[in-house]
Amino acid sequence: MNYHKYYPTDVINGPGTRVTLFVSGCEHLCKGCYNQTTWDPRAGHLFDQQMQDQVIADLKDTRIKRRGLSLSGGDPLHPQNLNSILELVKRVKNECPDKDIWLWTGYMYGELSAPQQAVAEYVDILIDGKFEQSLADPSLRWRGSSNQIVRDLSDKNQIQILEIDE
């Protein structure tokens, strides 16, 4: 897997101070996407063991308390990203159990493949759905268009759709 950008300290992509990874690779190619440079799965930098270790170290850093990890892109659930993303989210939940994981994807939750569902098992908040330029609304919180859904997956027995617009 490749990644486009890594922010060890981020206050925009999810609540609180977070670690944010923008991965490369997206097959949705949404018209109006603000992150088109992430579409090519070969773009950016190789996400290797050293980078994974850096994510974990930043999440554990007590000098800057981080609430969790945000995964965006591109699309973290792009088929070429699944193995690396699954390994990362498992490691975060194992080594940083007090941190939450937010993930943005163009795929719909009800249509995820088995490998994508395996990743979702470790995700607390999933924002799903393609960006639709005709439904874009800058006042929406955590999503770009009104068709996208913010799902709380933290309780796998009772998945909820969050109403968080202000």
C-alpha atoms as a PDB file:
ATOM      1  CA  MET A   1       0.000   0.000   0.000  1.00  0.00           C
ATOM      2  CA  ASN A   2       1.035   3.562  -0.607  1.00  0.00           C
ATOM      3  CA  TYR A   3       0.033   6.633   1.318  1.00  0.00           C
ATOM      4  CA  HIS A   4      -0.240  10.200   0.135  1.00  0.00           C
ATOM      5  CA  LYS A   5       0.043  12.199   3.370  1.00  0.00           C
ATOM      6  CA  TYR A   6       0.558  11.526   7.049  1.00  0.00           C
ATOM      7  CA  TYR A   7      -0.327  14.003   9.773  1.00  0.00           C
ATOM      8  CA  PRO A   8       0.983  13.021  13.226  1.00  0.00           C
ATOM      9  CA  THR A   9      -1.139  15.791  14.764  1.00  0.00           C
ATOM     10  CA  ASP A  10      -4.494  16.647  13.188  1.00  0.00           C
ATOM     11  CA  VAL A  11      -7.597  18.391  14.535  1.00  0.00           C
ATOM     12  CA  ILE A  12      -9.694  18.439  11.350  1.00  0.00           C
ATOM     13  CA  ASN A  13     -10.341  14.811  10.372  1.00  0.00           C
ATOM     14  CA  GLY A  14     -12.406  13.608  13.307  1.00  0.00           C
ATOM     15  CA  PRO A  15     -12.955  14.747  16.891  1.00  0.00           C
ATOM     16  CA  GLY A  16     -10.101  15.749  19.143  1.00  0.00           C
ATOM     17  CA  THR A  17      -6.433  15.609  18.278  1.00  0.00           C
ATOM     18  CA  ARG A  18      -5.717  12.666  16.004  1.00  0.00           C
ATOM     19  CA  VAL A  19      -3.198  10.891  13.816  1.00  0.00           C
ATOM     20  CA  THR A  20      -4.371  10.957  10.185  1.00  0.00           C
ATOM     21  CA  LEU A  21      -3.249   8.826   7.249  1.00  0.00           C
ATOM     22  CA  PHE A  22      -4.371   9.597   3.695  1.00  0.00           C
ATOM     23  CA  VAL A  23      -3.813   6.451   1.654  1.00  0.00           C
ATOM     24  CA  SER A  24      -3.381   6.209  -2.101  1.00  0.00           C
ATOM     25  CA  GLY A  25      -5.830   4.350  -4.321  1.00  0.00           C
ATOM     26  CA  CYS A  26      -9.469   5.029  -5.117  1.00  0.00           C
ATOM     27  CA  GLU A  27     -11.658   3.501  -7.791  1.00  0.00           C
ATOM     28  CA  HIS A  28     -14.685   5.759  -7.189  1.00  0.00           C
ATOM     29  CA  LEU A  29     -13.209   8.813  -8.976  1.00  0.00           C
ATOM     30  CA  CYS A  30     -15.916  11.105  -7.623  1.00  0.00           C
ATOM     31  CA  LYS A  31     -16.519  14.269  -9.607  1.00  0.00           C
ATOM     32  CA  GLY A  32     -15.466  17.226  -7.465  1.00  0.00           C
ATOM     33  CA  CYS A  33     -13.230  15.172  -5.162  1.00  0.00           C
ATOM     34  CA  TYR A  34     -10.839  17.486  -3.336  1.00  0.00           C
ATOM     35  CA  ASN A  35      -8.199  14.769  -3.120  1.00  0.00           C
ATOM     36  CA  GLN A  36      -7.813  13.544  -6.711  1.00  0.00           C
ATOM     37  CA  THR A  37      -4.049  13.188  -6.300  1.00  0.00           C
ATOM     38  CA  THR A  38      -4.737  10.144  -4.097  1.00  0.00           C
ATOM     39  CA  TRP A  39      -6.643   8.167  -6.742  1.00  0.00           C
ATOM     40  CA  ASP A  40      -3.628   6.332  -8.197  1.00  0.00           C
ATOM     41  CA  PRO A  41      -2.694   3.444  -5.862  1.00  0.00           C
ATOM     42  CA  ARG A  42       0.954   3.816  -6.982  1.00  0.00           C
ATOM     43  CA  ALA A  43       1.133   7.503  -5.993  1.00  0.00           C
ATOM     44  CA  GLY A  44       2.771   8.744  -2.848  1.00  0.00           C
ATOM     45  CA  HIS A  45       5.037   6.831  -0.512  1.00  0.00           C
ATOM     46  CA  LEU A  46       5.307   3.175   0.431  1.00  0.00           C
ATOM     47  CA  PHE A  47       3.551   2.388   3.711  1.00  0.00           C
ATOM     48  CA  ASP A  48       6.200   0.165   5.242  1.00  0.00           C
ATOM     49  CA  GLN A  49       6.899  -1.233   8.715  1.00  0.00           C
ATOM     50  CA  GLN A  50       8.751   1.925   9.715  1.00  0.00           C
ATOM     51  CA  MET A  51       5.719   4.074   8.846  1.00  0.00           C
ATOM     52  CA  GLN A  52       3.358   1.715  10.691  1.00  0.00           C
ATOM     53  CA  ASP A  53       5.661   1.915  13.726  1.00  0.00           C
ATOM     54  CA  GLN A  54       5.547   5.718  13.480  1.00  0.00           C
ATOM     55  CA  VAL A  55       1.722   5.723  13.569  1.00  0.00           C
ATOM     56  CA  ILE A  56       1.757   3.572  16.708  1.00  0.00           C
ATOM     57  CA  ALA A  57       4.479   5.673  18.354  1.00  0.00           C
ATOM     58  CA  ASP A  58       2.514   8.870  17.664  1.00  0.00           C
ATOM     59  CA  LEU A  59      -0.673   7.359  19.086  1.00  0.00           C
ATOM     60  CA  LYS A  60       1.241   6.359  22.234  1.00  0.00           C
ATOM     61  CA  ASP A  61       3.054   9.703  22.604  1.00  0.00           C
ATOM     62  CA  THR A  62       2.012  11.163  25.950  1.00  0.00           C
ATOM     63  CA  ARG A  63       3.307  14.669  25.160  1.00  0.00           C
ATOM     64  CA  ILE A  64       0.366  15.209  22.773  1.00  0.00           C
ATOM     65  CA  LYS A  65      -2.709  13.228  23.789  1.00  0.00           C
ATOM     66  CA  ARG A  66      -4.372  11.905  20.678  1.00  0.00           C
ATOM     67  CA  ARG A  67      -7.906  10.551  20.669  1.00  0.00           C
ATOM     68  CA  GLY A  68      -7.366   8.186  17.764  1.00  0.00           C
ATOM     69  CA  LEU A  69      -6.524   7.352  14.174  1.00  0.00           C
ATOM     70  CA  SER A  70      -8.288   8.720  11.091  1.00  0.00           C
ATOM     71  CA  LEU A  71      -7.966   6.845   7.792  1.00  0.00           C
ATOM     72  CA  SER A  72      -8.907   8.573   4.547  1.00  0.00           C
ATOM     73  CA  GLY A  73      -7.575   8.897   1.058  1.00  0.00           C
ATOM     74  CA  GLY A  74      -8.003   7.801  -1.608  1.00  0.00           C
ATOM     75  CA  ASP A  75      -9.920   4.996  -0.056  1.00  0.00           C
ATOM     76  CA  PRO A  76      -8.598   2.841   2.791  1.00  0.00           C
ATOM     77  CA  LEU A  77     -10.930   0.041   1.624  1.00  0.00           C
ATOM     78  CA  HIS A  78      -9.537   0.019  -1.924  1.00  0.00           C
ATOM     79  CA  PRO A  79      -8.681  -3.634  -2.707  1.00  0.00           C
ATOM     80  CA  GLN A  80      -4.936  -2.908  -2.890  1.00  0.00           C
ATOM     81  CA  ASN A  81      -5.002  -1.307   0.582  1.00  0.00           C
ATOM     82  CA  LEU A  82      -6.898  -3.959   2.511  1.00  0.00           C
ATOM     83  CA  ASN A  83      -4.020  -6.098   3.780  1.00  0.00           C
ATOM     84  CA  SER A  84      -2.012  -3.152   5.078  1.00  0.00           C
ATOM     85  CA  ILE A  85      -5.040  -1.371   6.548  1.00  0.00           C
ATOM     86  CA  LEU A  86      -6.214  -4.549   8.288  1.00  0.00           C
ATOM     87  CA  GLU A  87      -2.765  -5.072   9.789  1.00  0.00           C
ATOM     88  CA  LEU A  88      -2.674  -1.441  10.953  1.00  0.00           C
ATOM     89  CA  VAL A  89      -6.139  -1.348  12.550  1.00  0.00           C
ATOM     90  CA  LYS A  90      -5.522  -4.658  14.329  1.00  0.00           C
ATOM     91  CA  ARG A  91      -2.270  -3.320  15.704  1.00  0.00           C
ATOM     92  CA  VAL A  92      -3.869  -0.049  16.821  1.00  0.00           C
ATOM     93  CA  LYS A  93      -6.641  -1.885  18.678  1.00  0.00           C
ATOM     94  CA  ASN A  94      -4.110  -4.258  20.250  1.00  0.00           C
ATOM     95  CA  GLU A  95      -1.440  -1.733  21.254  1.00  0.00           C
ATOM     96  CA  CYS A  96      -3.579   1.394  21.730  1.00  0.00           C
ATOM     97  CA  PRO A  97      -6.947   0.072  22.954  1.00  0.00           C
ATOM     98  CA  ASP A  98      -7.979   3.481  24.311  1.00  0.00           C
ATOM     99  CA  LYS A  99      -7.819   5.059  20.814  1.00  0.00           C
ATOM    100  CA  ASP A 100     -10.718   5.147  18.374  1.00  0.00           C
ATOM    101  CA  ILE A 101     -10.483   4.577  14.628  1.00  0.00           C
ATOM    102  CA  TRP A 102     -12.396   6.642  12.057  1.00  0.00           C
ATOM    103  CA  LEU A 103     -12.433   5.566   8.403  1.00  0.00           C
ATOM    104  CA  TRP A 104     -13.789   7.327   5.299  1.00  0.00           C
ATOM    105  CA  THR A 105     -14.745   5.184   2.296  1.00  0.00           C
ATOM    106  CA  GLY A 106     -16.702   5.542  -0.920  1.00  0.00           C
ATOM    107  CA  TYR A 107     -18.082   2.018  -0.488  1.00  0.00           C
ATOM    108  CA  MET A 108     -21.446   1.574   1.233  1.00  0.00           C
ATOM    109  CA  TYR A 109     -21.388  -0.346   4.509  1.00  0.00           C
ATOM    110  CA  GLY A 110     -24.060  -2.828   3.402  1.00  0.00           C
ATOM    111  CA  GLU A 111     -22.110  -3.672   0.253  1.00  0.00           C
ATOM    112  CA  LEU A 112     -18.653  -4.277   1.733  1.00  0.00           C
ATOM    113  CA  SER A 113     -16.806  -7.379   0.588  1.00  0.00           C
ATOM    114  CA  ALA A 114     -15.682  -9.916   3.188  1.00  0.00           C
ATOM    115  CA  PRO A 115     -12.123  -8.462   3.307  1.00  0.00           C
ATOM    116  CA  GLN A 116     -13.538  -4.935   3.685  1.00  0.00           C
ATOM    117  CA  GLN A 117     -15.859  -6.144   6.461  1.00  0.00           C
ATOM    118  CA  ALA A 118     -12.820  -7.617   8.228  1.00  0.00           C
ATOM    119  CA  VAL A 119     -11.335  -4.101   8.393  1.00  0.00           C
ATOM    120  CA  ALA A 120     -14.669  -2.591   9.501  1.00  0.00           C
ATOM    121  CA  GLU A 121     -14.669  -4.934  12.513  1.00  0.00           C
ATOM    122  CA  TYR A 122     -11.876  -2.773  13.988  1.00  0.00           C
ATOM    123  CA  VAL A 123     -13.367   0.611  13.016  1.00  0.00           C
ATOM    124  CA  ASP A 124     -15.343   2.707  15.503  1.00  0.00           C
ATOM    125  CA  ILE A 125     -16.773   5.300  13.105  1.00  0.00           C
ATOM    126  CA  LEU A 126     -17.262   4.644   9.391  1.00  0.00           C
ATOM    127  CA  ILE A 127     -18.215   7.431   7.011  1.00  0.00           C
ATOM    128  CA  ASP A 128     -19.455   5.701   3.878  1.00  0.00           C
ATOM    129  CA  GLY A 129     -20.704   6.629   0.437  1.00  0.00           C
ATOM    130  CA  LYS A 130     -19.229   8.315  -2.603  1.00  0.00           C
ATOM    131  CA  PHE A 131     -18.865  12.069  -2.618  1.00  0.00           C
ATOM    132  CA  GLU A 132     -21.717  13.492  -4.731  1.00  0.00           C
ATOM    133  CA  GLN A 133     -20.919  16.984  -5.959  1.00  0.00           C
ATOM    134  CA  SER A 134     -24.621  17.803  -6.453  1.00  0.00           C
ATOM    135  CA  LEU A 135     -25.197  16.999  -2.752  1.00  0.00           C
ATOM    136  CA  ALA A 136     -22.090  18.781  -1.458  1.00  0.00           C
ATOM    137  CA  ASP A 137     -22.660  20.860   1.627  1.00  0.00           C
ATOM    138  CA  PRO A 138     -19.764  22.568   3.437  1.00  0.00           C
ATOM    139  CA  SER A 139     -21.862  22.846   6.607  1.00  0.00           C
ATOM    140  CA  LEU A 140     -21.942  19.060   7.057  1.00  0.00           C
ATOM    141  CA  ARG A 141     -19.739  17.707   9.793  1.00  0.00           C
ATOM    142  CA  TRP A 142     -17.266  14.900   8.964  1.00  0.00           C
ATOM    143  CA  ARG A 143     -18.597  14.411   5.412  1.00  0.00           C
ATOM    144  CA  GLY A 144     -18.654  16.288   2.146  1.00  0.00           C
ATOM    145  CA  SER A 145     -22.072  15.452   0.727  1.00  0.00           C
ATOM    146  CA  SER A 146     -25.437  14.721   2.297  1.00  0.00           C
ATOM    147  CA  ASN A 147     -25.674  11.178   0.904  1.00  0.00           C
ATOM    148  CA  GLN A 148     -22.682  10.077   2.972  1.00  0.00           C
ATOM    149  CA  ILE A 149     -23.514   8.371   6.256  1.00  0.00           C
ATOM    150  CA  VAL A 150     -21.662   8.563   9.561  1.00  0.00           C
ATOM    151  CA  ARG A 151     -22.000   5.150  11.208  1.00  0.00           C
ATOM    152  CA  ASP A 152     -21.054   4.273  14.758  1.00  0.00           C
ATOM    153  CA  LEU A 153     -19.676   0.727  14.564  1.00  0.00           C
ATOM    154  CA  SER A 154     -18.219   0.699  18.062  1.00  0.00           C
ATOM    155  CA  ASP A 155     -21.014  -1.584  19.306  1.00  0.00           C
ATOM    156  CA  LYS A 156     -21.157  -4.329  16.673  1.00  0.00           C
ATOM    157  CA  ASN A 157     -24.477  -5.531  18.124  1.00  0.00           C
ATOM    158  CA  GLN A 158     -26.180  -2.182  17.565  1.00  0.00           C
ATOM    159  CA  ILE A 159     -24.721  -0.182  14.674  1.00  0.00           C
ATOM    160  CA  GLN A 160     -26.071   3.371  14.668  1.00  0.00           C
ATOM    161  CA  ILE A 161     -26.284   6.163  12.140  1.00  0.00           C
ATOM    162  CA  LEU A 162     -25.098   9.332  13.825  1.00  0.00           C
ATOM    163  CA  GLU A 163     -26.908  12.620  13.354  1.00  0.00           C
ATOM    164  CA  ILE A 164     -24.104  15.073  13.974  1.00  0.00           C
ATOM    165  CA  ASP A 165     -24.910  18.016  11.740  1.00  0.00           C
ATOM    166  CA  GLU A 166     -24.883  21.371  13.481  1.00  0.00           C
END
